[in-house]
Amino acid sequence: SSVLGKKNSIARFINNFNKLPDYLKKIIVIENDDKVFNIEDCLDINKKTNIPIVLDYHHYICNPSNLNFEDIFSTWKITPKVHFSSPKSKIKKEFRSHNDYINSDDFITFLDKIKNLNYDIDIMIEAKKKDEALFKLVRELKYKTNYKFIDETTFEI
């Protein structure tokens, strides 16, 4: 069964991770994916390995599970990392693909969910238009919110 296959994959990953030298263990992170390994799987791996979890929010939307942001962010000894992208379209076939840009309303909704946790986080946007997408998002955030911008792409909420 696929559940058994997933459990075996996780066990193999942990076994192989534990064989690595410390200098490699220190630079490995794990991320939830859009089809198989969800946030709960990542948290199970973290409990056994202390590997920090990169939350991929788009993957979470595609492959949902119980999501406790505090549990994920607390896996980091440094600033937690988040990946954020918007779906190419709402059509199921294209939903997993990345859009050229970031949907600023979805981004603001995500920030509203985490703002009371009092974490500094690094959000890496994944968009086909790269810098152009970033600066478009920043323009929209400045227009739609009262976030306090510290520099061109850093802000407080």
Foldseek 3Di string as FASTA:
>chain_A
DVVVVLVVVLVVVLVVLVPDDPVVLVPDAEEAAQPRREPVNRLVSCVSRLHAYAYEPLSCVNVPDDDDPVSRQVSDPDAHEYEYFAFCDPPPVRRSPGAQAHDLVVVVVVCVVCQVVPGHHHYHYDHNVHPVRQQVSQVVCVVPHDWADPDSRDTHD
